């Protein structure tokens, strides 16, 4: 199979795994792709992680840090995007807000939130990604109730998206799922490939 064919096959596998909210399957697909690379050392160098971290990141139970996931995906030719989870039923609003609120601060529009987060992931700046996640968290009316839908307690969510902190990728997946959002991958444009991730 050609390189383009392998990339398209990996994209399909990853998006199926993301749609099922299956972190183990996502990590397994990436781990397999890394192992099939001509030189794992080159993948590690291009991603800016050491080889040991690369070997372990996608095999540990907690999964990799968000930064590791983004960097390795970029080396493989992908970028994370956020989209509405079509498998989750969207519940109608039971009441109107007491006062109008800015879209990007208090919006319940999942598509608008997805666009905002996708722009952040496309910036190649981890600070902006974490900031967008934090703003999305603080925009929720009932964070305690939201936290119960995730794998983290409310206090842990606050810490996960704190300034200069790199959250676990599993936390991000769980948080987005609670918001009826999901991650997916799209292929990088050639002009985006040379850019390196700006870390916290």
C-alpha atoms as a PDB file:
ATOM      1  CA  UNK A   1       0.000   0.000   0.000  1.00  0.00           C
ATOM      2  CA  UNK A   2       1.243   3.501  -0.834  1.00  0.00           C
ATOM      3  CA  UNK A   3       2.019   6.107   1.820  1.00  0.00           C
ATOM      4  CA  UNK A   4      -1.103   8.071   0.859  1.00  0.00           C
ATOM      5  CA  UNK A   5      -3.174   4.909   1.096  1.00  0.00           C
ATOM      6  CA  UNK A   6      -1.794   4.122   4.565  1.00  0.00           C
ATOM      7  CA  UNK A   7      -2.482   7.692   5.694  1.00  0.00           C
ATOM      8  CA  UNK A   8      -6.089   7.568   4.485  1.00  0.00           C
ATOM      9  CA  UNK A   9      -6.584   4.189   6.125  1.00  0.00           C
ATOM     10  CA  UNK A  10      -5.187   5.505   9.408  1.00  0.00           C
ATOM     11  CA  UNK A  11      -7.431   8.574   9.186  1.00  0.00           C
ATOM     12  CA  UNK A  12     -10.475   6.350   8.786  1.00  0.00           C
ATOM     13  CA  UNK A  13      -9.442   4.113  11.699  1.00  0.00           C
ATOM     14  CA  UNK A  14      -8.812   7.082  13.984  1.00  0.00           C
ATOM     15  CA  UNK A  15     -12.112   8.781  13.183  1.00  0.00           C
ATOM     16  CA  UNK A  16     -14.043   5.568  13.756  1.00  0.00           C
ATOM     17  CA  UNK A  17     -12.319   5.224  17.129  1.00  0.00           C
ATOM     18  CA  UNK A  18     -12.986   8.851  18.043  1.00  0.00           C
ATOM     19  CA  UNK A  19     -16.647   8.507  17.046  1.00  0.00           C
ATOM     20  CA  UNK A  20     -16.919   5.547  19.438  1.00  0.00           C
ATOM     21  CA  UNK A  21     -15.101   7.533  22.157  1.00  0.00           C
ATOM     22  CA  UNK A  22     -12.639   4.644  22.375  1.00  0.00           C
ATOM     23  CA  UNK A  23      -9.327   5.983  23.690  1.00  0.00           C
ATOM     24  CA  UNK A  24      -7.716   2.522  23.722  1.00  0.00           C
ATOM     25  CA  UNK A  25      -8.552   2.070  20.052  1.00  0.00           C
ATOM     26  CA  UNK A  26      -7.237   5.519  19.140  1.00  0.00           C
ATOM     27  CA  UNK A  27      -3.949   4.903  20.949  1.00  0.00           C
ATOM     28  CA  UNK A  28      -3.649   1.453  19.421  1.00  0.00           C
ATOM     29  CA  UNK A  29      -4.055   2.826  15.891  1.00  0.00           C
ATOM     30  CA  UNK A  30      -1.417   5.507  16.470  1.00  0.00           C
ATOM     31  CA  UNK A  31       0.971   3.058  18.134  1.00  0.00           C
ATOM     32  CA  UNK A  32       0.653   0.711  15.159  1.00  0.00           C
ATOM     33  CA  UNK A  33       1.276   3.580  12.733  1.00  0.00           C
ATOM     34  CA  UNK A  34       4.402   4.627  14.636  1.00  0.00           C
ATOM     35  CA  UNK A  35       5.736   1.066  14.627  1.00  0.00           C
ATOM     36  CA  UNK A  36       5.196   0.857  10.871  1.00  0.00           C
ATOM     37  CA  UNK A  37       7.194   4.042  10.286  1.00  0.00           C
ATOM     38  CA  UNK A  38      10.551   3.555   8.525  1.00  0.00           C
ATOM     39  CA  UNK A  39      12.427   4.853  11.550  1.00  0.00           C
ATOM     40  CA  UNK A  40      10.843   5.298  14.973  1.00  0.00           C
ATOM     41  CA  UNK A  41      13.768   7.479  16.013  1.00  0.00           C
ATOM     42  CA  UNK A  42      12.871   9.949  13.234  1.00  0.00           C
ATOM     43  CA  UNK A  43       9.244  10.047  14.398  1.00  0.00           C
ATOM     44  CA  UNK A  44      10.403  10.760  17.954  1.00  0.00           C
ATOM     45  CA  UNK A  45      12.792  13.492  16.797  1.00  0.00           C
ATOM     46  CA  UNK A  46      10.195  15.168  14.589  1.00  0.00           C
ATOM     47  CA  UNK A  47       7.638  15.025  17.407  1.00  0.00           C
ATOM     48  CA  UNK A  48      10.110  16.401  19.920  1.00  0.00           C
ATOM     49  CA  UNK A  49       9.750  13.486  22.350  1.00  0.00           C
ATOM     50  CA  UNK A  50      12.251  10.849  23.391  1.00  0.00           C
ATOM     51  CA  UNK A  51      11.911   7.335  22.051  1.00  0.00           C
ATOM     52  CA  UNK A  52      10.985   5.826  25.426  1.00  0.00           C
ATOM     53  CA  UNK A  53       8.119   8.293  25.830  1.00  0.00           C
ATOM     54  CA  UNK A  54       6.948   7.511  22.328  1.00  0.00           C
ATOM     55  CA  UNK A  55       6.929   3.773  23.035  1.00  0.00           C
ATOM     56  CA  UNK A  56       5.063   4.112  26.321  1.00  0.00           C
ATOM     57  CA  UNK A  57       2.690   7.010  25.657  1.00  0.00           C
ATOM     58  CA  UNK A  58       0.162   5.086  23.599  1.00  0.00           C
ATOM     59  CA  UNK A  59       0.373   1.879  25.607  1.00  0.00           C
ATOM     60  CA  UNK A  60      -0.179   3.091  29.156  1.00  0.00           C
ATOM     61  CA  UNK A  61      -3.672   2.871  30.597  1.00  0.00           C
ATOM     62  CA  UNK A  62      -4.057   6.642  31.024  1.00  0.00           C
ATOM     63  CA  UNK A  63      -2.976   7.374  27.482  1.00  0.00           C
ATOM     64  CA  UNK A  64      -0.607  10.175  26.447  1.00  0.00           C
ATOM     65  CA  UNK A  65      -0.498  13.814  27.456  1.00  0.00           C
ATOM     66  CA  UNK A  66      -2.397  16.144  25.127  1.00  0.00           C
ATOM     67  CA  UNK A  67       0.852  17.647  23.873  1.00  0.00           C
ATOM     68  CA  UNK A  68       2.284  14.232  22.952  1.00  0.00           C
ATOM     69  CA  UNK A  69      -0.883  13.291  21.090  1.00  0.00           C
ATOM     70  CA  UNK A  70      -0.907  16.518  19.077  1.00  0.00           C
ATOM     71  CA  UNK A  71       2.793  16.321  18.202  1.00  0.00           C
ATOM     72  CA  UNK A  72       2.740  12.679  17.114  1.00  0.00           C
ATOM     73  CA  UNK A  73      -0.429  13.186  15.075  1.00  0.00           C
ATOM     74  CA  UNK A  74       1.203  16.101  13.277  1.00  0.00           C
ATOM     75  CA  UNK A  75       4.233  13.981  12.421  1.00  0.00           C
ATOM     76  CA  UNK A  76       1.843  11.377  11.020  1.00  0.00           C
ATOM     77  CA  UNK A  77       0.200  14.116   8.926  1.00  0.00           C
ATOM     78  CA  UNK A  78      -2.930  14.890  10.956  1.00  0.00           C
ATOM     79  CA  UNK A  79      -4.533  17.708  12.898  1.00  0.00           C
ATOM     80  CA  UNK A  80      -7.191  17.392  15.591  1.00  0.00           C
ATOM     81  CA  UNK A  81     -10.590  18.971  14.990  1.00  0.00           C
ATOM     82  CA  UNK A  82     -13.696  19.113  17.174  1.00  0.00           C
ATOM     83  CA  UNK A  83     -17.178  18.364  15.949  1.00  0.00           C
ATOM     84  CA  UNK A  84     -20.653  17.749  17.311  1.00  0.00           C
ATOM     85  CA  UNK A  85     -21.156  14.174  18.435  1.00  0.00           C
ATOM     86  CA  UNK A  86     -23.838  12.841  16.111  1.00  0.00           C
ATOM     87  CA  UNK A  87     -24.310   9.716  18.198  1.00  0.00           C
ATOM     88  CA  UNK A  88     -25.489  11.693  21.192  1.00  0.00           C
ATOM     89  CA  UNK A  89     -29.035  12.978  21.337  1.00  0.00           C
ATOM     90  CA  UNK A  90     -29.198  16.735  21.706  1.00  0.00           C
ATOM     91  CA  UNK A  91     -31.569  17.590  24.508  1.00  0.00           C
ATOM     92  CA  UNK A  92     -33.822  20.602  23.911  1.00  0.00           C
ATOM     93  CA  UNK A  93     -33.434  23.549  26.239  1.00  0.00           C
ATOM     94  CA  UNK A  94     -35.893  23.460  29.135  1.00  0.00           C
ATOM     95  CA  UNK A  95     -35.610  27.140  29.944  1.00  0.00           C
ATOM     96  CA  UNK A  96     -34.342  30.341  28.498  1.00  0.00           C
ATOM     97  CA  UNK A  97     -31.334  32.126  29.973  1.00  0.00           C
ATOM     98  CA  UNK A  98     -32.213  34.942  32.301  1.00  0.00           C
ATOM     99  CA  UNK A  99     -30.048  37.366  30.335  1.00  0.00           C
ATOM    100  CA  UNK A 100     -28.293  37.312  26.966  1.00  0.00           C
ATOM    101  CA  UNK A 101     -24.698  36.055  27.011  1.00  0.00           C
ATOM    102  CA  UNK A 102     -21.861  36.286  24.486  1.00  0.00           C
ATOM    103  CA  UNK A 103     -21.668  33.254  22.193  1.00  0.00           C
ATOM    104  CA  UNK A 104     -18.076  32.327  23.028  1.00  0.00           C
ATOM    105  CA  UNK A 105     -18.544  32.739  26.768  1.00  0.00           C
ATOM    106  CA  UNK A 106     -21.868  31.128  27.609  1.00  0.00           C
ATOM    107  CA  UNK A 107     -23.153  29.550  24.434  1.00  0.00           C
ATOM    108  CA  UNK A 108     -24.938  26.218  24.540  1.00  0.00           C
ATOM    109  CA  UNK A 109     -24.445  25.908  20.795  1.00  0.00           C
ATOM    110  CA  UNK A 110     -22.267  22.829  20.418  1.00  0.00           C
ATOM    111  CA  UNK A 111     -21.375  23.687  16.828  1.00  0.00           C
ATOM    112  CA  UNK A 112     -20.075  27.111  17.828  1.00  0.00           C
ATOM    113  CA  UNK A 113     -18.026  25.563  20.619  1.00  0.00           C
ATOM    114  CA  UNK A 114     -16.684  22.964  18.200  1.00  0.00           C
ATOM    115  CA  UNK A 115     -15.586  25.690  15.779  1.00  0.00           C
ATOM    116  CA  UNK A 116     -13.887  27.644  18.558  1.00  0.00           C
ATOM    117  CA  UNK A 117     -11.938  24.607  19.755  1.00  0.00           C
ATOM    118  CA  UNK A 118     -11.036  23.535  16.231  1.00  0.00           C
ATOM    119  CA  UNK A 119      -9.490  26.945  15.606  1.00  0.00           C
ATOM    120  CA  UNK A 120      -7.472  26.554  18.814  1.00  0.00           C
ATOM    121  CA  UNK A 121      -6.206  23.100  17.808  1.00  0.00           C
ATOM    122  CA  UNK A 122      -5.305  24.467  14.390  1.00  0.00           C
ATOM    123  CA  UNK A 123      -3.216  27.268  15.910  1.00  0.00           C
ATOM    124  CA  UNK A 124      -0.406  24.860  16.839  1.00  0.00           C
ATOM    125  CA  UNK A 125      -0.217  26.686  20.178  1.00  0.00           C
ATOM    126  CA  UNK A 126      -0.876  24.485  23.220  1.00  0.00           C
ATOM    127  CA  UNK A 127      -1.447  27.569  25.366  1.00  0.00           C
ATOM    128  CA  UNK A 128      -4.366  28.577  23.145  1.00  0.00           C
ATOM    129  CA  UNK A 129      -5.750  25.041  23.168  1.00  0.00           C
ATOM    130  CA  UNK A 130      -5.724  24.839  26.976  1.00  0.00           C
ATOM    131  CA  UNK A 131      -7.122  28.365  27.224  1.00  0.00           C
ATOM    132  CA  UNK A 132      -9.995  27.493  24.868  1.00  0.00           C
ATOM    133  CA  UNK A 133     -10.732  24.349  26.884  1.00  0.00           C
ATOM    134  CA  UNK A 134     -10.674  26.358  30.127  1.00  0.00           C
ATOM    135  CA  UNK A 135     -13.017  28.992  28.706  1.00  0.00           C
ATOM    136  CA  UNK A 136     -15.358  26.273  27.513  1.00  0.00           C
ATOM    137  CA  UNK A 137     -15.334  24.729  30.992  1.00  0.00           C
ATOM    138  CA  UNK A 138     -16.035  28.033  32.754  1.00  0.00           C
ATOM    139  CA  UNK A 139     -18.843  28.773  30.311  1.00  0.00           C
ATOM    140  CA  UNK A 140     -20.900  25.872  31.643  1.00  0.00           C
ATOM    141  CA  UNK A 141     -23.788  26.719  33.949  1.00  0.00           C
ATOM    142  CA  UNK A 142     -23.396  23.638  36.139  1.00  0.00           C
ATOM    143  CA  UNK A 143     -19.793  22.439  36.199  1.00  0.00           C
ATOM    144  CA  UNK A 144     -20.415  19.947  38.995  1.00  0.00           C
ATOM    145  CA  UNK A 145     -23.062  18.192  36.927  1.00  0.00           C
ATOM    146  CA  UNK A 146     -20.820  18.267  33.875  1.00  0.00           C
ATOM    147  CA  UNK A 147     -17.923  16.758  35.850  1.00  0.00           C
ATOM    148  CA  UNK A 148     -20.090  13.789  36.833  1.00  0.00           C
ATOM    149  CA  UNK A 149     -20.297  12.917  33.129  1.00  0.00           C
ATOM    150  CA  UNK A 150     -16.501  12.838  32.811  1.00  0.00           C
ATOM    151  CA  UNK A 151     -13.702  10.715  34.275  1.00  0.00           C
ATOM    152  CA  UNK A 152     -12.574  13.627  36.473  1.00  0.00           C
ATOM    153  CA  UNK A 153     -13.959  15.409  39.531  1.00  0.00           C
ATOM    154  CA  UNK A 154     -14.815  19.105  39.241  1.00  0.00           C
ATOM    155  CA  UNK A 155     -11.611  20.200  40.990  1.00  0.00           C
ATOM    156  CA  UNK A 156      -9.565  17.949  38.711  1.00  0.00           C
ATOM    157  CA  UNK A 157     -11.129  19.534  35.631  1.00  0.00           C
ATOM    158  CA  UNK A 158     -10.205  22.993  36.876  1.00  0.00           C
ATOM    159  CA  UNK A 159      -6.614  21.855  37.456  1.00  0.00           C
ATOM    160  CA  UNK A 160      -6.437  20.025  34.126  1.00  0.00           C
ATOM    161  CA  UNK A 161      -7.174  23.183  32.175  1.00  0.00           C
ATOM    162  CA  UNK A 162      -5.186  25.570  34.348  1.00  0.00           C
ATOM    163  CA  UNK A 163      -2.651  27.940  32.798  1.00  0.00           C
ATOM    164  CA  UNK A 164       0.719  26.323  31.999  1.00  0.00           C
ATOM    165  CA  UNK A 165      -0.657  22.851  32.686  1.00  0.00           C
ATOM    166  CA  UNK A 166      -0.754  20.084  30.079  1.00  0.00           C
ATOM    167  CA  UNK A 167      -3.838  17.871  30.537  1.00  0.00           C
ATOM    168  CA  UNK A 168      -4.050  14.185  29.773  1.00  0.00           C
ATOM    169  CA  UNK A 169      -5.537  13.440  26.402  1.00  0.00           C
ATOM    170  CA  UNK A 170      -8.057  11.129  28.083  1.00  0.00           C
ATOM    171  CA  UNK A 171      -9.323  14.075  30.150  1.00  0.00           C
ATOM    172  CA  UNK A 172      -9.903  16.126  27.006  1.00  0.00           C
ATOM    173  CA  UNK A 173     -11.762  13.270  25.290  1.00  0.00           C
ATOM    174  CA  UNK A 174     -13.971  12.719  28.347  1.00  0.00           C
ATOM    175  CA  UNK A 175     -14.644  16.451  28.776  1.00  0.00           C
ATOM    176  CA  UNK A 176     -15.670  16.892  25.154  1.00  0.00           C
ATOM    177  CA  UNK A 177     -17.872  13.808  25.285  1.00  0.00           C
ATOM    178  CA  UNK A 178     -19.725  15.305  28.256  1.00  0.00           C
ATOM    179  CA  UNK A 179     -20.350  18.385  26.095  1.00  0.00           C
ATOM    180  CA  UNK A 180     -21.722  16.176  23.299  1.00  0.00           C
ATOM    181  CA  UNK A 181     -18.610  16.901  21.248  1.00  0.00           C
ATOM    182  CA  UNK A 182     -15.985  14.575  19.843  1.00  0.00           C
ATOM    183  CA  UNK A 183     -12.526  14.772  18.380  1.00  0.00           C
ATOM    184  CA  UNK A 184     -11.644  13.746  14.854  1.00  0.00           C
ATOM    185  CA  UNK A 185      -8.606  14.112  12.626  1.00  0.00           C
ATOM    186  CA  UNK A 186      -8.143  15.810   9.312  1.00  0.00           C
ATOM    187  CA  UNK A 187      -5.093  15.679   7.107  1.00  0.00           C
ATOM    188  CA  UNK A 188      -2.617  18.519   7.476  1.00  0.00           C
ATOM    189  CA  UNK A 189      -2.133  20.886   4.608  1.00  0.00           C
ATOM    190  CA  UNK A 190       1.445  20.833   3.275  1.00  0.00           C
ATOM    191  CA  UNK A 191       1.979  24.408   4.461  1.00  0.00           C
ATOM    192  CA  UNK A 192       1.132  23.388   8.055  1.00  0.00           C
ATOM    193  CA  UNK A 193       3.591  20.516   8.405  1.00  0.00           C
ATOM    194  CA  UNK A 194       6.781  22.461   9.234  1.00  0.00           C
ATOM    195  CA  UNK A 195       5.178  24.252  12.184  1.00  0.00           C
ATOM    196  CA  UNK A 196       6.086  23.031  15.652  1.00  0.00           C
ATOM    197  CA  UNK A 197       3.783  22.916  18.634  1.00  0.00           C
ATOM    198  CA  UNK A 198       4.174  25.891  20.982  1.00  0.00           C
ATOM    199  CA  UNK A 199       4.010  24.397  24.463  1.00  0.00           C
ATOM    200  CA  UNK A 200       2.829  25.820  27.758  1.00  0.00           C
END
